[in-house]
Amino acid sequence: MSRPMSSLRRRLAPVLLMLAAGSAPVLAADLPEFQLAIEHHRWQPEELRVPAGVKFKLVVTNRDGTPEEFESVDLKREKIVMPGGQISVYIGPLEAGSYRFFGDFHQDTAQGRLIAE
């Protein structure tokens, strides 16, 4: 009885390995990375183009002397960036389109958008 089971395992092992490899999570190091900064309470750049259909890492740097919050209702994200600090925000995959983001503490000047294409 152990022989048929071991034979079955040998035949299924390559299939299981392929399935496991195909469903492995993408490592953060493998993600495309885009830079965004807040300076003088304005996003730099105010418009950032990113690939549609791809998960990516957005690195946000605060060059101001006050905290700011990267916030986006469209992207369902909000995260505080301390003065001189940096955060990472993982986004996507996004459908092609425009996604608004803003600095919650300076909404009058800190406006921007991601364009997925």
PDB file of N, CA and C in Angstrom:
ATOM      1  N   MET A   1       0.813  -1.199   0.000  1.00  0.00           N
ATOM      2  CA  MET A   1       0.000   0.000   0.000  1.00  0.00           C
ATOM      3  C   MET A   1       0.856   1.263   0.000  1.00  0.00           C
ATOM      4  N   SER A   2       2.028   1.198   0.552  1.00  0.00           N
ATOM      5  CA  SER A   2       2.877   2.376   0.562  1.00  0.00           C
ATOM      6  C   SER A   2       3.474   2.657  -0.812  1.00  0.00           C
ATOM      7  N   ARG A   3       3.634   1.611  -1.628  1.00  0.00           N
ATOM      8  CA  ARG A   3       4.201   1.823  -2.962  1.00  0.00           C
ATOM      9  C   ARG A   3       3.280   2.674  -3.844  1.00  0.00           C
ATOM     10  N   PRO A   4       1.990   2.387  -3.957  1.00  0.00           N
ATOM     11  CA  PRO A   4       1.138   3.235  -4.796  1.00  0.00           C
ATOM     12  C   PRO A   4       1.111   4.681  -4.301  1.00  0.00           C
ATOM     13  N   MET A   5       1.109   4.887  -2.979  1.00  0.00           N
ATOM     14  CA  MET A   5       1.080   6.238  -2.442  1.00  0.00           C
ATOM     15  C   MET A   5       2.368   6.982  -2.779  1.00  0.00           C
ATOM     16  N   SER A   6       3.530   6.349  -2.649  1.00  0.00           N
ATOM     17  CA  SER A   6       4.783   7.030  -2.964  1.00  0.00           C
ATOM     18  C   SER A   6       4.869   7.300  -4.463  1.00  0.00           C
ATOM     19  N   SER A   7       4.336   6.422  -5.288  1.00  0.00           N
ATOM     20  CA  SER A   7       4.313   6.642  -6.726  1.00  0.00           C
ATOM     21  C   SER A   7       3.437   7.859  -7.060  1.00  0.00           C
ATOM     22  N   LEU A   8       2.309   7.958  -6.387  1.00  0.00           N
ATOM     23  CA  LEU A   8       1.416   9.104  -6.593  1.00  0.00           C
ATOM     24  C   LEU A   8       2.104  10.397  -6.164  1.00  0.00           C
ATOM     25  N   ARG A   9       2.782  10.363  -5.055  1.00  0.00           N
ATOM     26  CA  ARG A   9       3.503  11.547  -4.576  1.00  0.00           C
ATOM     27  C   ARG A   9       4.568  11.985  -5.567  1.00  0.00           C
ATOM     28  N   ARG A  10       5.291  11.024  -6.108  1.00  0.00           N
ATOM     29  CA  ARG A  10       6.339  11.355  -7.088  1.00  0.00           C
ATOM     30  C   ARG A  10       5.742  12.012  -8.331  1.00  0.00           C
ATOM     31  N   ARG A  11       4.600  11.552  -8.757  1.00  0.00           N
ATOM     32  CA  ARG A  11       3.972  12.127  -9.947  1.00  0.00           C
ATOM     33  C   ARG A  11       3.358  13.494  -9.673  1.00  0.00           C
ATOM     34  N   LEU A  12       2.842  13.685  -8.469  1.00  0.00           N
ATOM     35  CA  LEU A  12       2.204  14.958  -8.140  1.00  0.00           C
ATOM     36  C   LEU A  12       3.194  16.031  -7.702  1.00  0.00           C
ATOM     37  N   ALA A  13       4.342  15.650  -7.226  1.00  0.00           N
ATOM     38  CA  ALA A  13       5.316  16.616  -6.699  1.00  0.00           C
ATOM     39  C   ALA A  13       5.641  17.723  -7.697  1.00  0.00           C
ATOM     40  N   PRO A  14       5.975  17.441  -8.961  1.00  0.00           N
ATOM     41  CA  PRO A  14       6.273  18.541  -9.901  1.00  0.00           C
ATOM     42  C   PRO A  14       5.080  19.462 -10.123  1.00  0.00           C
ATOM     43  N   VAL A  15       3.892  18.892 -10.173  1.00  0.00           N
ATOM     44  CA  VAL A  15       2.691  19.704 -10.378  1.00  0.00           C
ATOM     45  C   VAL A  15       2.477  20.626  -9.179  1.00  0.00           C
ATOM     46  N   LEU A  16       2.623  20.100  -7.979  1.00  0.00           N
ATOM     47  CA  LEU A  16       2.450  20.904  -6.770  1.00  0.00           C
ATOM     48  C   LEU A  16       3.500  22.003  -6.692  1.00  0.00           C
ATOM     49  N   LEU A  17       4.721  21.703  -7.066  1.00  0.00           N
ATOM     50  CA  LEU A  17       5.770  22.722  -7.063  1.00  0.00           C
ATOM     51  C   LEU A  17       5.466  23.843  -8.054  1.00  0.00           C
ATOM     52  N   MET A  18       4.983  23.495  -9.223  1.00  0.00           N
ATOM     53  CA  MET A  18       4.640  24.521 -10.209  1.00  0.00           C
ATOM     54  C   MET A  18       3.492  25.390  -9.707  1.00  0.00           C
ATOM     55  N   LEU A  19       2.497  24.767  -9.103  1.00  0.00           N
ATOM     56  CA  LEU A  19       1.375  25.545  -8.570  1.00  0.00           C
ATOM     57  C   LEU A  19       1.831  26.476  -7.463  1.00  0.00           C
ATOM     58  N   ALA A  20       2.675  25.966  -6.571  1.00  0.00           N
ATOM     59  CA  ALA A  20       3.172  26.793  -5.470  1.00  0.00           C
ATOM     60  C   ALA A  20       4.016  27.948  -5.992  1.00  0.00           C
ATOM     61  N   ALA A  21       4.857  27.711  -6.978  1.00  0.00           N
ATOM     62  CA  ALA A  21       5.706  28.770  -7.527  1.00  0.00           C
ATOM     63  C   ALA A  21       4.862  29.827  -8.225  1.00  0.00           C
ATOM     64  N   GLY A  22       3.824  29.426  -8.913  1.00  0.00           N
ATOM     65  CA  GLY A  22       2.970  30.369  -9.622  1.00  0.00           C
ATOM     66  C   GLY A  22       2.149  31.238  -8.705  1.00  0.00           C
ATOM     67  N   SER A  23       1.924  30.799  -7.494  1.00  0.00           N
ATOM     68  CA  SER A  23       1.113  31.579  -6.570  1.00  0.00           C
ATOM     69  C   SER A  23       1.951  32.248  -5.492  1.00  0.00           C
ATOM     70  N   ALA A  24       3.267  32.226  -5.643  1.00  0.00           N
ATOM     71  CA  ALA A  24       4.137  32.851  -4.645  1.00  0.00           C
ATOM     72  C   ALA A  24       3.900  34.358  -4.630  1.00  0.00           C
ATOM     73  N   PRO A  25       3.887  34.974  -3.441  1.00  0.00           N
ATOM     74  CA  PRO A  25       3.687  36.414  -3.384  1.00  0.00           C
ATOM     75  C   PRO A  25       4.885  37.150  -3.988  1.00  0.00           C
ATOM     76  N   VAL A  26       4.615  38.313  -4.552  1.00  0.00           N
ATOM     77  CA  VAL A  26       5.678  39.133  -5.114  1.00  0.00           C
ATOM     78  C   VAL A  26       6.448  39.757  -3.954  1.00  0.00           C
ATOM     79  N   LEU A  27       7.747  39.631  -3.968  1.00  0.00           N
ATOM     80  CA  LEU A  27       8.567  40.226  -2.922  1.00  0.00           C
ATOM     81  C   LEU A  27       8.661  41.729  -3.125  1.00  0.00           C
ATOM     82  N   ALA A  28       8.726  42.467  -2.014  1.00  0.00           N
ATOM     83  CA  ALA A  28       8.794  43.925  -2.095  1.00  0.00           C
ATOM     84  C   ALA A  28       9.981  44.387  -2.928  1.00  0.00           C
ATOM     85  N   ALA A  29      11.077  43.649  -2.890  1.00  0.00           N
ATOM     86  CA  ALA A  29      12.267  44.023  -3.662  1.00  0.00           C
ATOM     87  C   ALA A  29      12.017  43.916  -5.164  1.00  0.00           C
ATOM     88  N   ASP A  30      11.051  43.113  -5.577  1.00  0.00           N
ATOM     89  CA  ASP A  30      10.751  42.928  -6.991  1.00  0.00           C
ATOM     90  C   ASP A  30       9.782  43.969  -7.541  1.00  0.00           C
ATOM     91  N   LEU A  31       9.211  44.792  -6.683  1.00  0.00           N
ATOM     92  CA  LEU A  31       8.203  45.757  -7.123  1.00  0.00           C
ATOM     93  C   LEU A  31       8.847  46.993  -7.733  1.00  0.00           C
ATOM     94  N   PRO A  32       8.229  47.561  -8.774  1.00  0.00           N
ATOM     95  CA  PRO A  32       8.701  48.857  -9.275  1.00  0.00           C
ATOM     96  C   PRO A  32       8.515  49.894  -8.169  1.00  0.00           C
ATOM     97  N   GLU A  33       9.424  50.844  -8.109  1.00  0.00           N
ATOM     98  CA  GLU A  33       9.398  51.852  -7.046  1.00  0.00           C
ATOM     99  C   GLU A  33       9.320  53.242  -7.658  1.00  0.00           C
ATOM    100  N   PHE A  34       8.460  54.084  -7.080  1.00  0.00           N
ATOM    101  CA  PHE A  34       8.289  55.457  -7.534  1.00  0.00           C
ATOM    102  C   PHE A  34       8.480  56.390  -6.348  1.00  0.00           C
ATOM    103  N   GLN A  35       9.035  57.562  -6.602  1.00  0.00           N
ATOM    104  CA  GLN A  35       9.358  58.539  -5.559  1.00  0.00           C
ATOM    105  C   GLN A  35       8.374  59.704  -5.597  1.00  0.00           C
ATOM    106  N   LEU A  36       7.986  60.146  -4.414  1.00  0.00           N
ATOM    107  CA  LEU A  36       7.121  61.306  -4.260  1.00  0.00           C
ATOM    108  C   LEU A  36       7.635  62.057  -3.035  1.00  0.00           C
ATOM    109  N   ALA A  37       7.657  63.380  -3.110  1.00  0.00           N
ATOM    110  CA  ALA A  37       8.120  64.176  -1.969  1.00  0.00           C
ATOM    111  C   ALA A  37       7.130  65.289  -1.695  1.00  0.00           C
ATOM    112  N   ILE A  38       7.114  65.720  -0.435  1.00  0.00           N
ATOM    113  CA  ILE A  38       6.357  66.901  -0.060  1.00  0.00           C
ATOM    114  C   ILE A  38       7.391  67.963   0.317  1.00  0.00           C
ATOM    115  N   GLU A  39       7.304  69.124  -0.344  1.00  0.00           N
ATOM    116  CA  GLU A  39       8.245  70.216  -0.092  1.00  0.00           C
ATOM    117  C   GLU A  39       7.498  71.529  -0.248  1.00  0.00           C
ATOM    118  N   HIS A  40       7.625  72.406   0.747  1.00  0.00           N
ATOM    119  CA  HIS A  40       6.879  73.672   0.766  1.00  0.00           C
ATOM    120  C   HIS A  40       5.377  73.387   0.650  1.00  0.00           C
ATOM    121  N   HIS A  41       4.954  72.289   1.270  1.00  0.00           N
ATOM    122  CA  HIS A  41       3.545  71.881   1.319  1.00  0.00           C
ATOM    123  C   HIS A  41       2.955  71.622  -0.062  1.00  0.00           C
ATOM    124  N   ARG A  42       3.816  71.172  -0.984  1.00  0.00           N
ATOM    125  CA  ARG A  42       3.385  70.798  -2.339  1.00  0.00           C
ATOM    126  C   ARG A  42       4.023  69.463  -2.701  1.00  0.00           C
ATOM    127  N   TRP A  43       3.275  68.650  -3.421  1.00  0.00           N
ATOM    128  CA  TRP A  43       3.819  67.360  -3.869  1.00  0.00           C
ATOM    129  C   TRP A  43       4.764  67.572  -5.036  1.00  0.00           C
ATOM    130  N   GLN A  44       5.848  66.834  -5.015  1.00  0.00           N
ATOM    131  CA  GLN A  44       6.847  66.862  -6.077  1.00  0.00           C
ATOM    132  C   GLN A  44       7.035  65.440  -6.584  1.00  0.00           C
ATOM    133  N   PRO A  45       6.604  65.061  -7.727  1.00  0.00           N
ATOM    134  CA  PRO A  45       5.818  65.838  -8.687  1.00  0.00           C
ATOM    135  C   PRO A  45       4.345  65.850  -8.292  1.00  0.00           C
ATOM    136  N   GLU A  46       3.616  66.793  -8.824  1.00  0.00           N
ATOM    137  CA  GLU A  46       2.175  66.858  -8.557  1.00  0.00           C
ATOM    138  C   GLU A  46       1.420  65.809  -9.354  1.00  0.00           C
ATOM    139  N   GLU A  47       2.007  65.379 -10.456  1.00  0.00           N
ATOM    140  CA  GLU A  47       1.401  64.330 -11.282  1.00  0.00           C
ATOM    141  C   GLU A  47       2.458  63.238 -11.484  1.00  0.00           C
ATOM    142  N   LEU A  48       2.113  62.030 -11.100  1.00  0.00           N
ATOM    143  CA  LEU A  48       3.048  60.911 -11.179  1.00  0.00           C
ATOM    144  C   LEU A  48       2.428  59.808 -12.032  1.00  0.00           C
ATOM    145  N   ARG A  49       3.136  59.431 -13.078  1.00  0.00           N
ATOM    146  CA  ARG A  49       2.654  58.365 -13.973  1.00  0.00           C
ATOM    147  C   ARG A  49       3.218  57.025 -13.512  1.00  0.00           C
ATOM    148  N   VAL A  50       2.315  56.041 -13.403  1.00  0.00           N
ATOM    149  CA  VAL A  50       2.672  54.696 -12.954  1.00  0.00           C
ATOM    150  C   VAL A  50       2.062  53.685 -13.919  1.00  0.00           C
ATOM    151  N   PRO A  51       2.590  52.466 -13.944  1.00  0.00           N
ATOM    152  CA  PRO A  51       2.015  51.470 -14.854  1.00  0.00           C
ATOM    153  C   PRO A  51       0.683  50.931 -14.329  1.00  0.00           C
ATOM    154  N   ALA A  52      -0.279  50.792 -15.213  1.00  0.00           N
ATOM    155  CA  ALA A  52      -1.557  50.161 -14.860  1.00  0.00           C
ATOM    156  C   ALA A  52      -1.335  48.656 -14.772  1.00  0.00           C
ATOM    157  N   GLY A  53      -2.103  48.002 -13.923  1.00  0.00           N
ATOM    158  CA  GLY A  53      -2.075  46.550 -13.826  1.00  0.00           C
ATOM    159  C   GLY A  53      -0.879  45.978 -13.097  1.00  0.00           C
ATOM    160  N   VAL A  54      -0.106  46.828 -12.413  1.00  0.00           N
ATOM    161  CA  VAL A  54       1.106  46.378 -11.731  1.00  0.00           C
ATOM    162  C   VAL A  54       1.109  46.912 -10.296  1.00  0.00           C
ATOM    163  N   LYS A  55       1.386  46.048  -9.342  1.00  0.00           N
ATOM    164  CA  LYS A  55       1.560  46.501  -7.966  1.00  0.00           C
ATOM    165  C   LYS A  55       2.891  47.229  -7.891  1.00  0.00           C
ATOM    166  N   PHE A  56       2.957  48.325  -7.108  1.00  0.00           N
ATOM    167  CA  PHE A  56       4.200  49.080  -6.997  1.00  0.00           C
ATOM    168  C   PHE A  56       4.347  49.667  -5.605  1.00  0.00           C
ATOM    169  N   LYS A  57       5.558  50.123  -5.343  1.00  0.00           N
ATOM    170  CA  LYS A  57       5.907  50.742  -4.061  1.00  0.00           C
ATOM    171  C   LYS A  57       6.077  52.238  -4.298  1.00  0.00           C
ATOM    172  N   LEU A  58       5.375  53.041  -3.507  1.00  0.00           N
ATOM    173  CA  LEU A  58       5.486  54.485  -3.566  1.00  0.00           C
ATOM    174  C   LEU A  58       6.259  54.921  -2.318  1.00  0.00           C
ATOM    175  N   VAL A  59       7.415  55.539  -2.528  1.00  0.00           N
ATOM    176  CA  VAL A  59       8.236  56.032  -1.421  1.00  0.00           C
ATOM    177  C   VAL A  59       7.973  57.526  -1.301  1.00  0.00           C
ATOM    178  N   VAL A  60       7.453  57.939  -0.148  1.00  0.00           N
ATOM    179  CA  VAL A  60       7.072  59.330   0.081  1.00  0.00           C
ATOM    180  C   VAL A  60       8.032  59.937   1.099  1.00  0.00           C
ATOM    181  N   THR A  61       8.696  61.034   0.713  1.00  0.00           N
ATOM    182  CA  THR A  61       9.658  61.725   1.574  1.00  0.00           C
ATOM    183  C   THR A  61       9.107  63.084   1.955  1.00  0.00           C
ATOM    184  N   ASN A  62       9.217  63.432   3.236  1.00  0.00           N
ATOM    185  CA  ASN A  62       8.759  64.732   3.711  1.00  0.00           C
ATOM    186  C   ASN A  62       9.978  65.645   3.880  1.00  0.00           C
ATOM    187  N   ARG A  63      10.111  66.638   3.018  1.00  0.00           N
ATOM    188  CA  ARG A  63      11.223  67.580   3.087  1.00  0.00           C
ATOM    189  C   ARG A  63      10.862  68.841   3.867  1.00  0.00           C
ATOM    190  N   ASP A  64       9.652  68.880   4.405  1.00  0.00           N
ATOM    191  CA  ASP A  64       9.199  70.027   5.200  1.00  0.00           C
ATOM    192  C   ASP A  64       9.526  69.811   6.676  1.00  0.00           C
ATOM    193  N   GLY A  65       9.402  70.895   7.429  1.00  0.00           N
ATOM    194  CA  GLY A  65       9.669  70.843   8.862  1.00  0.00           C
ATOM    195  C   GLY A  65       8.449  70.512   9.696  1.00  0.00           C
ATOM    196  N   THR A  66       7.348  70.177   9.045  1.00  0.00           N
ATOM    197  CA  THR A  66       6.112  69.815   9.744  1.00  0.00           C
ATOM    198  C   THR A  66       5.610  68.480   9.203  1.00  0.00           C
ATOM    199  N   PRO A  67       4.829  67.756   9.997  1.00  0.00           N
ATOM    200  CA  PRO A  67       4.280  66.487   9.495  1.00  0.00           C
ATOM    201  C   PRO A  67       3.300  66.725   8.357  1.00  0.00           C
ATOM    202  N   GLU A  68       3.141  65.709   7.543  1.00  0.00           N
ATOM    203  CA  GLU A  68       2.126  65.725   6.495  1.00  0.00           C
ATOM    204  C   GLU A  68       1.532  64.334   6.426  1.00  0.00           C
ATOM    205  N   GLU A  69       0.346  64.253   5.861  1.00  0.00           N
ATOM    206  CA  GLU A  69      -0.297  62.957   5.695  1.00  0.00           C
ATOM    207  C   GLU A  69      -0.565  62.722   4.218  1.00  0.00           C
ATOM    208  N   PHE A  70       0.011  61.638   3.696  1.00  0.00           N
ATOM    209  CA  PHE A  70      -0.324  61.219   2.340  1.00  0.00           C
ATOM    210  C   PHE A  70      -1.693  60.579   2.446  1.00  0.00           C
ATOM    211  N   GLU A  71      -2.677  61.150   1.744  1.00  0.00           N
ATOM    212  CA  GLU A  71      -4.029  60.608   1.811  1.00  0.00           C
ATOM    213  C   GLU A  71      -4.644  60.554   0.427  1.00  0.00           C
ATOM    214  N   SER A  72      -5.394  59.487   0.210  1.00  0.00           N
ATOM    215  CA  SER A  72      -6.117  59.339  -1.050  1.00  0.00           C
ATOM    216  C   SER A  72      -7.376  58.531  -0.804  1.00  0.00           C
ATOM    217  N   VAL A  73      -8.506  59.164  -1.052  1.00  0.00           N
ATOM    218  CA  VAL A  73      -9.784  58.463  -0.977  1.00  0.00           C
ATOM    219  C   VAL A  73      -9.862  57.466  -2.133  1.00  0.00           C
ATOM    220  N   ASP A  74      -9.382  57.894  -3.309  1.00  0.00           N
ATOM    221  CA  ASP A  74      -9.413  57.029  -4.491  1.00  0.00           C
ATOM    222  C   ASP A  74      -8.610  55.745  -4.281  1.00  0.00           C
ATOM    223  N   LEU A  75      -7.451  55.877  -3.619  1.00  0.00           N
ATOM    224  CA  LEU A  75      -6.563  54.731  -3.407  1.00  0.00           C
ATOM    225  C   LEU A  75      -6.806  54.029  -2.069  1.00  0.00           C
ATOM    226  N   LYS A  76      -7.670  54.634  -1.251  1.00  0.00           N
ATOM    227  CA  LYS A  76      -7.975  54.094   0.082  1.00  0.00           C
ATOM    228  C   LYS A  76      -6.708  53.953   0.932  1.00  0.00           C
ATOM    229  N   ARG A  77      -5.923  55.040   0.975  1.00  0.00           N
ATOM    230  CA  ARG A  77      -4.678  55.061   1.736  1.00  0.00           C
ATOM    231  C   ARG A  77      -4.582  56.367   2.501  1.00  0.00           C
ATOM    232  N   GLU A  78      -4.005  56.287   3.698  1.00  0.00           N
ATOM    233  CA  GLU A  78      -3.620  57.470   4.443  1.00  0.00           C
ATOM    234  C   GLU A  78      -2.515  57.073   5.412  1.00  0.00           C
ATOM    235  N   LYS A  79      -1.455  57.872   5.387  1.00  0.00           N
ATOM    236  CA  LYS A  79      -0.298  57.550   6.210  1.00  0.00           C
ATOM    237  C   LYS A  79       0.471  58.830   6.505  1.00  0.00           C
ATOM    238  N   ILE A  80       0.804  59.037   7.764  1.00  0.00           N
ATOM    239  CA  ILE A  80       1.522  60.240   8.182  1.00  0.00           C
ATOM    240  C   ILE A  80       3.007  60.090   7.859  1.00  0.00           C
ATOM    241  N   VAL A  81       3.591  61.214   7.390  1.00  0.00           N
ATOM    242  CA  VAL A  81       5.026  61.286   7.116  1.00  0.00           C
ATOM    243  C   VAL A  81       5.594  62.370   8.027  1.00  0.00           C
ATOM    244  N   MET A  82       6.445  61.973   8.934  1.00  0.00           N
ATOM    245  CA  MET A  82       7.018  62.924   9.875  1.00  0.00           C
ATOM    246  C   MET A  82       8.025  63.843   9.168  1.00  0.00           C
ATOM    247  N   PRO A  83       8.328  65.021   9.747  1.00  0.00           N
ATOM    248  CA  PRO A  83       9.291  65.940   9.132  1.00  0.00           C
ATOM    249  C   PRO A  83      10.636  65.237   8.914  1.00  0.00           C
ATOM    250  N   GLY A  84      11.152  65.361   7.707  1.00  0.00           N
ATOM    251  CA  GLY A  84      12.415  64.710   7.376  1.00  0.00           C
ATOM    252  C   GLY A  84      12.314  63.205   7.251  1.00  0.00           C
ATOM    253  N   GLY A  85      11.110  62.669   7.352  1.00  0.00           N
ATOM    254  CA  GLY A  85      10.903  61.220   7.323  1.00  0.00           C
ATOM    255  C   GLY A  85      10.511  60.707   5.951  1.00  0.00           C
ATOM    256  N   GLN A  86      10.348  59.396   5.933  1.00  0.00           N
ATOM    257  CA  GLN A  86      10.013  58.713   4.687  1.00  0.00           C
ATOM    258  C   GLN A  86       9.102  57.534   5.018  1.00  0.00           C
ATOM    259  N   ILE A  87       8.142  57.288   4.155  1.00  0.00           N
ATOM    260  CA  ILE A  87       7.253  56.134   4.306  1.00  0.00           C
ATOM    261  C   ILE A  87       7.190  55.383   2.981  1.00  0.00           C
ATOM    262  N   SER A  88       6.733  54.160   3.050  1.00  0.00           N
ATOM    263  CA  SER A  88       6.465  53.369   1.852  1.00  0.00           C
ATOM    264  C   SER A  88       4.992  53.021   1.841  1.00  0.00           C
ATOM    265  N   VAL A  89       4.383  53.157   0.674  1.00  0.00           N
ATOM    266  CA  VAL A  89       2.975  52.828   0.484  1.00  0.00           C
ATOM    267  C   VAL A  89       2.912  51.856  -0.691  1.00  0.00           C
ATOM    268  N   TYR A  90       2.296  50.709  -0.466  1.00  0.00           N
ATOM    269  CA  TYR A  90       2.155  49.712  -1.530  1.00  0.00           C
ATOM    270  C   TYR A  90       0.791  49.893  -2.173  1.00  0.00           C
ATOM    271  N   ILE A  91       0.804  50.026  -3.496  1.00  0.00           N
ATOM    272  CA  ILE A  91      -0.409  50.356  -4.234  1.00  0.00           C
ATOM    273  C   ILE A  91      -0.552  49.425  -5.435  1.00  0.00           C
ATOM    274  N   GLY A  92      -1.803  49.120  -5.749  1.00  0.00           N
ATOM    275  CA  GLY A  92      -2.084  48.409  -6.986  1.00  0.00           C
ATOM    276  C   GLY A  92      -2.301  46.928  -6.792  1.00  0.00           C
ATOM    277  N   PRO A  93      -2.475  46.311  -7.933  1.00  0.00           N
ATOM    278  CA  PRO A  93      -2.493  46.865  -9.279  1.00  0.00           C
ATOM    279  C   PRO A  93      -3.707  47.762  -9.511  1.00  0.00           C
ATOM    280  N   LEU A  94      -3.484  48.824 -10.269  1.00  0.00           N
ATOM    281  CA  LEU A  94      -4.539  49.800 -10.566  1.00  0.00           C
ATOM    282  C   LEU A  94      -5.037  49.634 -11.990  1.00  0.00           C
ATOM    283  N   GLU A  95      -6.305  49.924 -12.184  1.00  0.00           N
ATOM    284  CA  GLU A  95      -6.837  50.017 -13.538  1.00  0.00           C
ATOM    285  C   GLU A  95      -6.357  51.348 -14.122  1.00  0.00           C
ATOM    286  N   ALA A  96      -6.264  51.428 -15.428  1.00  0.00           N
ATOM    287  CA  ALA A  96      -5.868  52.684 -16.069  1.00  0.00           C
ATOM    288  C   ALA A  96      -6.826  53.786 -15.635  1.00  0.00           C
ATOM    289  N   GLY A  97      -6.264  54.948 -15.310  1.00  0.00           N
ATOM    290  CA  GLY A  97      -7.090  56.059 -14.882  1.00  0.00           C
ATOM    291  C   GLY A  97      -6.325  57.036 -14.015  1.00  0.00           C
ATOM    292  N   SER A  98      -7.032  57.983 -13.451  1.00  0.00           N
ATOM    293  CA  SER A  98      -6.458  59.033 -12.621  1.00  0.00           C
ATOM    294  C   SER A  98      -6.926  58.846 -11.178  1.00  0.00           C
ATOM    295  N   TYR A  99      -5.990  58.966 -10.242  1.00  0.00           N
ATOM    296  CA  TYR A  99      -6.264  58.747  -8.824  1.00  0.00           C
ATOM    297  C   TYR A  99      -5.735  59.951  -8.045  1.00  0.00           C
ATOM    298  N   ARG A 100      -6.617  60.648  -7.407  1.00  0.00           N
ATOM    299  CA  ARG A 100      -6.275  61.859  -6.662  1.00  0.00           C
ATOM    300  C   ARG A 100      -5.657  61.496  -5.309  1.00  0.00           C
ATOM    301  N   PHE A 101      -4.639  62.289  -4.895  1.00  0.00           N
ATOM    302  CA  PHE A 101      -4.104  62.197  -3.537  1.00  0.00           C
ATOM    303  C   PHE A 101      -3.856  63.617  -3.035  1.00  0.00           C
ATOM    304  N   PHE A 102      -3.702  63.774  -1.730  1.00  0.00           N
ATOM    305  CA  PHE A 102      -3.508  65.103  -1.163  1.00  0.00           C
ATOM    306  C   PHE A 102      -2.791  64.995   0.165  1.00  0.00           C
ATOM    307  N   GLY A 103      -2.277  66.139   0.617  1.00  0.00           N
ATOM    308  CA  GLY A 103      -1.706  66.240   1.956  1.00  0.00           C
ATOM    309  C   GLY A 103      -2.813  66.700   2.875  1.00  0.00           C
ATOM    310  N   ASP A 104      -3.197  65.865   3.794  1.00  0.00           N
ATOM    311  CA  ASP A 104      -4.358  66.173   4.623  1.00  0.00           C
ATOM    312  C   ASP A 104      -4.146  67.410   5.493  1.00  0.00           C
ATOM    313  N   PHE A 105      -2.898  67.713   5.866  1.00  0.00           N
ATOM    314  CA  PHE A 105      -2.644  68.856   6.737  1.00  0.00           C
ATOM    315  C   PHE A 105      -2.515  70.176   5.979  1.00  0.00           C
ATOM    316  N   HIS A 106      -2.374  70.108   4.648  1.00  0.00           N
ATOM    317  CA  HIS A 106      -2.258  71.315   3.819  1.00  0.00           C
ATOM    318  C   HIS A 106      -3.026  71.100   2.513  1.00  0.00           C
ATOM    319  N   GLN A 107      -4.316  70.861   2.658  1.00  0.00           N
ATOM    320  CA  GLN A 107      -5.127  70.539   1.484  1.00  0.00           C
ATOM    321  C   GLN A 107      -5.209  71.666   0.469  1.00  0.00           C
ATOM    322  N   ASP A 108      -4.969  72.901   0.906  1.00  0.00           N
ATOM    323  CA  ASP A 108      -5.031  74.023  -0.028  1.00  0.00           C
ATOM    324  C   ASP A 108      -3.888  73.991  -1.047  1.00  0.00           C
ATOM    325  N   THR A 109      -2.732  73.423  -0.690  1.00  0.00           N
ATOM    326  CA  THR A 109      -1.586  73.416  -1.608  1.00  0.00           C
ATOM    327  C   THR A 109      -1.100  72.016  -1.982  1.00  0.00           C
ATOM    328  N   ALA A 110      -1.279  71.055  -1.116  1.00  0.00           N
ATOM    329  CA  ALA A 110      -0.727  69.712  -1.339  1.00  0.00           C
ATOM    330  C   ALA A 110      -1.733  68.829  -2.070  1.00  0.00           C
ATOM    331  N   GLN A 111      -1.820  69.021  -3.375  1.00  0.00           N
ATOM    332  CA  GLN A 111      -2.735  68.266  -4.223  1.00  0.00           C
ATOM    333  C   GLN A 111      -1.940  67.552  -5.307  1.00  0.00           C
ATOM    334  N   GLY A 112      -2.324  66.329  -5.620  1.00  0.00           N
ATOM    335  CA  GLY A 112      -1.632  65.612  -6.680  1.00  0.00           C
ATOM    336  C   GLY A 112      -2.497  64.486  -7.225  1.00  0.00           C
ATOM    337  N   ARG A 113      -1.927  63.796  -8.224  1.00  0.00           N
ATOM    338  CA  ARG A 113      -2.653  62.649  -8.757  1.00  0.00           C
ATOM    339  C   ARG A 113      -1.683  61.649  -9.369  1.00  0.00           C
ATOM    340  N   LEU A 114      -2.063  60.391  -9.239  1.00  0.00           N
ATOM    341  CA  LEU A 114      -1.377  59.301  -9.914  1.00  0.00           C
ATOM    342  C   LEU A 114      -2.136  59.026 -11.201  1.00  0.00           C
ATOM    343  N   ILE A 115      -1.402  58.831 -12.272  1.00  0.00           N
ATOM    344  CA  ILE A 115      -2.036  58.457 -13.525  1.00  0.00           C
ATOM    345  C   ILE A 115      -1.510  57.077 -13.887  1.00  0.00           C
ATOM    346  N   ALA A 116      -2.405  56.098 -13.851  1.00  0.00           N
ATOM    347  CA  ALA A 116      -2.038  54.725 -14.210  1.00  0.00           C
ATOM    348  C   ALA A 116      -2.313  54.555 -15.696  1.00  0.00           C
ATOM    349  N   GLU A 117      -1.281  54.135 -16.420  1.00  0.00           N
ATOM    350  CA  GLU A 117      -1.439  53.958 -17.877  1.00  0.00           C
ATOM    351  C   GLU A 117      -0.697  52.730 -18.353  1.00  0.00           C
TER     352      GLU A 117
END
